[in-house]
PDB file of all heavy atoms in Angstrom:
ATOM      1  N   ILE A   1     124.848 128.570  93.721  1.00  0.00           N
ATOM      2  CA  ILE A   1     125.456 127.480  94.486  1.00  0.00           C
ATOM      3  C   ILE A   1     125.254 126.161  93.766  1.00  0.00           C
ATOM      4  O   ILE A   1     126.018 125.200  93.968  1.00  0.00           O
ATOM      5  CB  ILE A   1     124.859 127.428  95.904  1.00  0.00           C
ATOM      6  CG1 ILE A   1     125.624 126.424  96.790  1.00  0.00           C
ATOM      7  CG2 ILE A   1     123.380 127.060  95.858  1.00  0.00           C
ATOM      8  CD1 ILE A   1     127.057 126.780  97.024  1.00  0.00           C
ATOM      9  N   ASP A   2     124.235 126.110  92.880  1.00  0.00           N
ATOM     10  CA  ASP A   2     123.985 124.883  92.135  1.00  0.00           C
ATOM     11  C   ASP A   2     125.166 124.507  91.246  1.00  0.00           C
ATOM     12  O   ASP A   2     125.366 123.322  90.952  1.00  0.00           O
ATOM     13  CB  ASP A   2     122.731 125.028  91.269  1.00  0.00           C
ATOM     14  CG  ASP A   2     121.462 125.114  92.113  1.00  0.00           C
ATOM     15  OD1 ASP A   2     121.482 124.572  93.229  1.00  0.00           O
ATOM     16  OD2 ASP A   2     120.485 125.727  91.666  1.00  0.00           O
ATOM     17  N   VAL A   3     125.934 125.492  90.777  1.00  0.00           N
ATOM     18  CA  VAL A   3     127.107 125.204  89.962  1.00  0.00           C
ATOM     19  C   VAL A   3     128.090 124.355  90.749  1.00  0.00           C
ATOM     20  O   VAL A   3     128.561 123.303  90.295  1.00  0.00           O
ATOM     21  CB  VAL A   3     127.776 126.510  89.491  1.00  0.00           C
ATOM     22  CG1 VAL A   3     129.121 126.205  88.842  1.00  0.00           C
ATOM     23  CG2 VAL A   3     126.870 127.262  88.527  1.00  0.00           C
ATOM     24  N   VAL A   4     128.415 124.808  91.957  1.00  0.00           N
ATOM     25  CA  VAL A   4     129.352 124.079  92.794  1.00  0.00           C
ATOM     26  C   VAL A   4     128.789 122.718  93.189  1.00  0.00           C
ATOM     27  O   VAL A   4     129.505 121.711  93.179  1.00  0.00           O
ATOM     28  CB  VAL A   4     129.714 124.900  94.051  1.00  0.00           C
ATOM     29  CG1 VAL A   4     130.591 124.088  94.992  1.00  0.00           C
ATOM     30  CG2 VAL A   4     130.419 126.188  93.652  1.00  0.00           C
ATOM     31  N   LEU A   5     127.490 122.680  93.524  1.00  0.00           N
ATOM     32  CA  LEU A   5     126.877 121.411  93.886  1.00  0.00           C
ATOM     33  C   LEU A   5     126.955 120.413  92.730  1.00  0.00           C
ATOM     34  O   LEU A   5     127.202 119.226  92.942  1.00  0.00           O
ATOM     35  CB  LEU A   5     125.420 121.631  94.294  1.00  0.00           C
ATOM     36  CG  LEU A   5     125.189 122.358  95.625  1.00  0.00           C
ATOM     37  CD1 LEU A   5     123.701 122.608  95.840  1.00  0.00           C
ATOM     38  CD2 LEU A   5     125.775 121.565  96.782  1.00  0.00           C
ATOM     39  N   GLY A   6     126.731 120.897  91.508  1.00  0.00           N
ATOM     40  CA  GLY A   6     126.816 120.023  90.344  1.00  0.00           C
ATOM     41  C   GLY A   6     128.212 119.477  90.144  1.00  0.00           C
ATOM     42  O   GLY A   6     128.404 118.288  89.851  1.00  0.00           O
ATOM     43  N   LEU A   7     129.222 120.324  90.302  1.00  0.00           N
ATOM     44  CA  LEU A   7     130.606 119.883  90.158  1.00  0.00           C
ATOM     45  C   LEU A   7     130.974 118.897  91.263  1.00  0.00           C
ATOM     46  O   LEU A   7     131.651 117.900  91.026  1.00  0.00           O
ATOM     47  CB  LEU A   7     131.549 121.085  90.182  1.00  0.00           C
ATOM     48  CG  LEU A   7     131.430 122.045  88.997  1.00  0.00           C
ATOM     49  CD1 LEU A   7     132.256 123.296  89.238  1.00  0.00           C
ATOM     50  CD2 LEU A   7     131.850 121.367  87.687  1.00  0.00           C
ATOM     51  N   GLU A   8     130.522 119.177  92.475  1.00  0.00           N
ATOM     52  CA  GLU A   8     130.802 118.266  93.582  1.00  0.00           C
ATOM     53  C   GLU A   8     130.117 116.918  93.389  1.00  0.00           C
ATOM     54  O   GLU A   8     130.604 115.889  93.870  1.00  0.00           O
ATOM     55  CB  GLU A   8     130.365 118.898  94.903  1.00  0.00           C
ATOM     56  CG  GLU A   8     131.244 120.062  95.345  1.00  0.00           C
ATOM     57  CD  GLU A   8     130.753 120.713  96.623  1.00  0.00           C
ATOM     58  OE1 GLU A   8     129.573 120.500  96.982  1.00  0.00           O
ATOM     59  OE2 GLU A   8     131.544 121.435  97.254  1.00  0.00           O
ATOM     60  N   ALA A   9     128.989 116.927  92.683  1.00  0.00           N
ATOM     61  CA  ALA A   9     128.264 115.688  92.416  1.00  0.00           C
ATOM     62  C   ALA A   9     128.945 114.844  91.355  1.00  0.00           C
ATOM     63  O   ALA A   9     128.573 113.687  91.148  1.00  0.00           O
ATOM     64  CB  ALA A   9     126.830 115.990  91.988  1.00  0.00           C
ATOM     65  N   GLY A  10     129.934 115.412  90.664  1.00  0.00           N
ATOM     66  CA  GLY A  10     130.682 114.650  89.676  1.00  0.00           C
ATOM     67  C   GLY A  10     130.654 115.203  88.272  1.00  0.00           C
ATOM     68  O   GLY A  10     131.207 114.579  87.352  1.00  0.00           O
ATOM     69  N   ALA A  11     130.026 116.364  88.057  1.00  0.00           N
ATOM     70  CA  ALA A  11     130.013 116.959  86.716  1.00  0.00           C
ATOM     71  C   ALA A  11     131.422 117.385  86.311  1.00  0.00           C
ATOM     72  O   ALA A  11     132.248 117.743  87.148  1.00  0.00           O
ATOM     73  CB  ALA A  11     129.072 118.159  86.675  1.00  0.00           C
ATOM     74  N   ASP A  12     131.682 117.356  85.017  1.00  0.00           N
ATOM     75  CA  ASP A  12     132.997 117.716  84.505  1.00  0.00           C
ATOM     76  C   ASP A  12     133.102 119.185  84.138  1.00  0.00           C
ATOM     77  O   ASP A  12     134.192 119.755  84.119  1.00  0.00           O
ATOM     78  CB  ASP A  12     133.326 116.855  83.276  1.00  0.00           C
ATOM     79  CG  ASP A  12     133.367 115.381  83.624  1.00  0.00           C
ATOM     80  OD1 ASP A  12     134.400 114.927  84.137  1.00  0.00           O
ATOM     81  OD2 ASP A  12     132.358 114.686  83.402  1.00  0.00           O
ATOM     82  N   ASP A  13     131.976 119.810  83.829  1.00  0.00           N
ATOM     83  CA  ASP A  13     131.978 121.212  83.422  1.00  0.00           C
ATOM     84  C   ASP A  13     130.549 121.730  83.548  1.00  0.00           C
ATOM     85  O   ASP A  13     129.620 120.971  83.833  1.00  0.00           O
ATOM     86  CB  ASP A  13     132.465 121.341  81.975  1.00  0.00           C
ATOM     87  CG  ASP A  13     132.986 122.729  81.641  1.00  0.00           C
ATOM     88  OD1 ASP A  13     132.866 123.639  82.494  1.00  0.00           O
ATOM     89  OD2 ASP A  13     133.506 122.921  80.529  1.00  0.00           O
ATOM     90  N   TYR A  14     130.375 123.043  83.344  1.00  0.00           N
ATOM     91  CA  TYR A  14     129.031 123.610  83.336  1.00  0.00           C
ATOM     92  C   TYR A  14     128.974 124.757  82.342  1.00  0.00           C
ATOM     93  O   TYR A  14     129.988 125.348  81.982  1.00  0.00           O
ATOM     94  CB  TYR A  14     128.613 124.080  84.734  1.00  0.00           C
ATOM     95  CG  TYR A  14     129.147 125.442  85.118  1.00  0.00           C
ATOM     96  CD1 TYR A  14     128.391 126.593  84.895  1.00  0.00           C
ATOM     97  CD2 TYR A  14     130.403 125.571  85.684  1.00  0.00           C
ATOM     98  CE1 TYR A  14     128.894 127.844  85.214  1.00  0.00           C
ATOM     99  CE2 TYR A  14     130.907 126.816  86.018  1.00  0.00           C
ATOM    100  CZ  TYR A  14     130.150 127.943  85.787  1.00  0.00           C
ATOM    101  OH  TYR A  14     130.647 129.175  86.102  1.00  0.00           O
ATOM    102  N   VAL A  15     127.773 125.052  81.886  1.00  0.00           N
ATOM    103  CA  VAL A  15     127.529 126.150  80.957  1.00  0.00           C
ATOM    104  C   VAL A  15     126.371 126.971  81.524  1.00  0.00           C
ATOM    105  O   VAL A  15     125.364 126.421  81.973  1.00  0.00           O
ATOM    106  CB  VAL A  15     127.165 125.641  79.546  1.00  0.00           C
ATOM    107  CG1 VAL A  15     126.801 126.810  78.629  1.00  0.00           C
ATOM    108  CG2 VAL A  15     128.320 124.846  78.962  1.00  0.00           C
ATOM    109  N   THR A  16     126.522 128.299  81.515  1.00  0.00           N
ATOM    110  CA  THR A  16     125.507 129.185  82.068  1.00  0.00           C
ATOM    111  C   THR A  16     124.442 129.514  81.025  1.00  0.00           C
ATOM    112  O   THR A  16     124.752 129.789  79.864  1.00  0.00           O
ATOM    113  CB  THR A  16     126.163 130.493  82.558  1.00  0.00           C
ATOM    114  OG1 THR A  16     127.163 130.170  83.522  1.00  0.00           O
ATOM    115  CG2 THR A  16     125.139 131.402  83.200  1.00  0.00           C
ATOM    116  N   LYS A  17     123.183 129.447  81.425  1.00  0.00           N
ATOM    117  CA  LYS A  17     122.059 129.840  80.569  1.00  0.00           C
ATOM    118  C   LYS A  17     121.758 131.328  80.779  1.00  0.00           C
ATOM    119  O   LYS A  17     121.908 131.824  81.897  1.00  0.00           O
ATOM    120  CB  LYS A  17     120.821 129.006  80.923  1.00  0.00           C
ATOM    121  CG  LYS A  17     121.004 127.520  80.702  1.00  0.00           C
ATOM    122  CD  LYS A  17     119.954 126.698  81.403  1.00  0.00           C
ATOM    123  CE  LYS A  17     118.553 126.941  80.876  1.00  0.00           C
ATOM    124  NZ  LYS A  17     117.569 126.036  81.517  1.00  0.00           N
ATOM    125  N   PRO A  18     121.315 132.030  79.708  1.00  0.00           N
ATOM    126  CA  PRO A  18     121.190 131.545  78.329  1.00  0.00           C
ATOM    127  C   PRO A  18     122.558 131.391  77.677  1.00  0.00           C
ATOM    128  O   PRO A  18     123.484 132.127  77.986  1.00  0.00           O
ATOM    129  CB  PRO A  18     120.379 132.656  77.643  1.00  0.00           C
ATOM    130  CG  PRO A  18     120.741 133.886  78.413  1.00  0.00           C
ATOM    131  CD  PRO A  18     120.917 133.451  79.838  1.00  0.00           C
ATOM    132  N   PHE A  19     122.693 130.406  76.805  1.00  0.00           N
ATOM    133  CA  PHE A  19     123.978 130.114  76.189  1.00  0.00           C
ATOM    134  C   PHE A  19     123.884 130.244  74.677  1.00  0.00           C
ATOM    135  O   PHE A  19     122.820 130.082  74.075  1.00  0.00           O
ATOM    136  CB  PHE A  19     124.449 128.711  76.556  1.00  0.00           C
ATOM    137  CG  PHE A  19     123.407 127.639  76.369  1.00  0.00           C
ATOM    138  CD1 PHE A  19     123.104 127.137  75.112  1.00  0.00           C
ATOM    139  CD2 PHE A  19     122.714 127.139  77.460  1.00  0.00           C
ATOM    140  CE1 PHE A  19     122.140 126.166  74.941  1.00  0.00           C
ATOM    141  CE2 PHE A  19     121.740 126.159  77.300  1.00  0.00           C
ATOM    142  CZ  PHE A  19     121.460 125.673  76.038  1.00  0.00           C
ATOM    143  N   ASP A  20     125.005 130.558  74.091  1.00  0.00           N
ATOM    144  CA  ASP A  20     125.126 130.586  72.635  1.00  0.00           C
ATOM    145  C   ASP A  20     125.346 129.154  72.150  1.00  0.00           C
ATOM    146  O   ASP A  20     126.148 128.417  72.722  1.00  0.00           O
ATOM    147  CB  ASP A  20     126.305 131.482  72.224  1.00  0.00           C
ATOM    148  CG  ASP A  20     126.488 131.524  70.724  1.00  0.00           C
ATOM    149  OD1 ASP A  20     125.878 132.391  70.073  1.00  0.00           O
ATOM    150  OD2 ASP A  20     127.242 130.689  70.205  1.00  0.00           O
ATOM    151  N   GLY A  21     124.634 128.773  71.093  1.00  0.00           N
ATOM    152  CA  GLY A  21     124.737 127.403  70.603  1.00  0.00           C
ATOM    153  C   GLY A  21     126.148 127.006  70.229  1.00  0.00           C
ATOM    154  O   GLY A  21     126.584 125.882  70.511  1.00  0.00           O
ATOM    155  N   ALA A  22     126.901 127.920  69.615  1.00  0.00           N
ATOM    156  CA  ALA A  22     128.266 127.611  69.207  1.00  0.00           C
ATOM    157  C   ALA A  22     129.161 127.379  70.419  1.00  0.00           C
ATOM    158  O   ALA A  22     130.044 126.514  70.403  1.00  0.00           O
ATOM    159  CB  ALA A  22     128.821 128.746  68.350  1.00  0.00           C
ATOM    160  N   VAL A  23     128.931 128.153  71.484  1.00  0.00           N
ATOM    161  CA  VAL A  23     129.715 127.978  72.702  1.00  0.00           C
ATOM    162  C   VAL A  23     129.413 126.631  73.336  1.00  0.00           C
ATOM    163  O   VAL A  23     130.316 125.908  73.791  1.00  0.00           O
ATOM    164  CB  VAL A  23     129.433 129.123  73.701  1.00  0.00           C
ATOM    165  CG1 VAL A  23     130.068 128.826  75.050  1.00  0.00           C
ATOM    166  CG2 VAL A  23     129.947 130.446  73.149  1.00  0.00           C
ATOM    167  N   LEU A  24     128.134 126.266  73.381  1.00  0.00           N
ATOM    168  CA  LEU A  24     127.757 124.981  73.947  1.00  0.00           C
ATOM    169  C   LEU A  24     128.409 123.837  73.179  1.00  0.00           C
ATOM    170  O   LEU A  24     128.960 122.909  73.785  1.00  0.00           O
ATOM    171  CB  LEU A  24     126.239 124.827  73.930  1.00  0.00           C
ATOM    172  CG  LEU A  24     125.705 123.492  74.467  1.00  0.00           C
ATOM    173  CD1 LEU A  24     126.067 123.313  75.938  1.00  0.00           C
ATOM    174  CD2 LEU A  24     124.189 123.416  74.277  1.00  0.00           C
TER     175      LEU A  24
END
């Protein structure tokens, strides 16, 4: 739910951990 909360707070995008450095 933190993903949606972050977007609602004004974030433009999100990346899921663990992430690949090239993707980030």
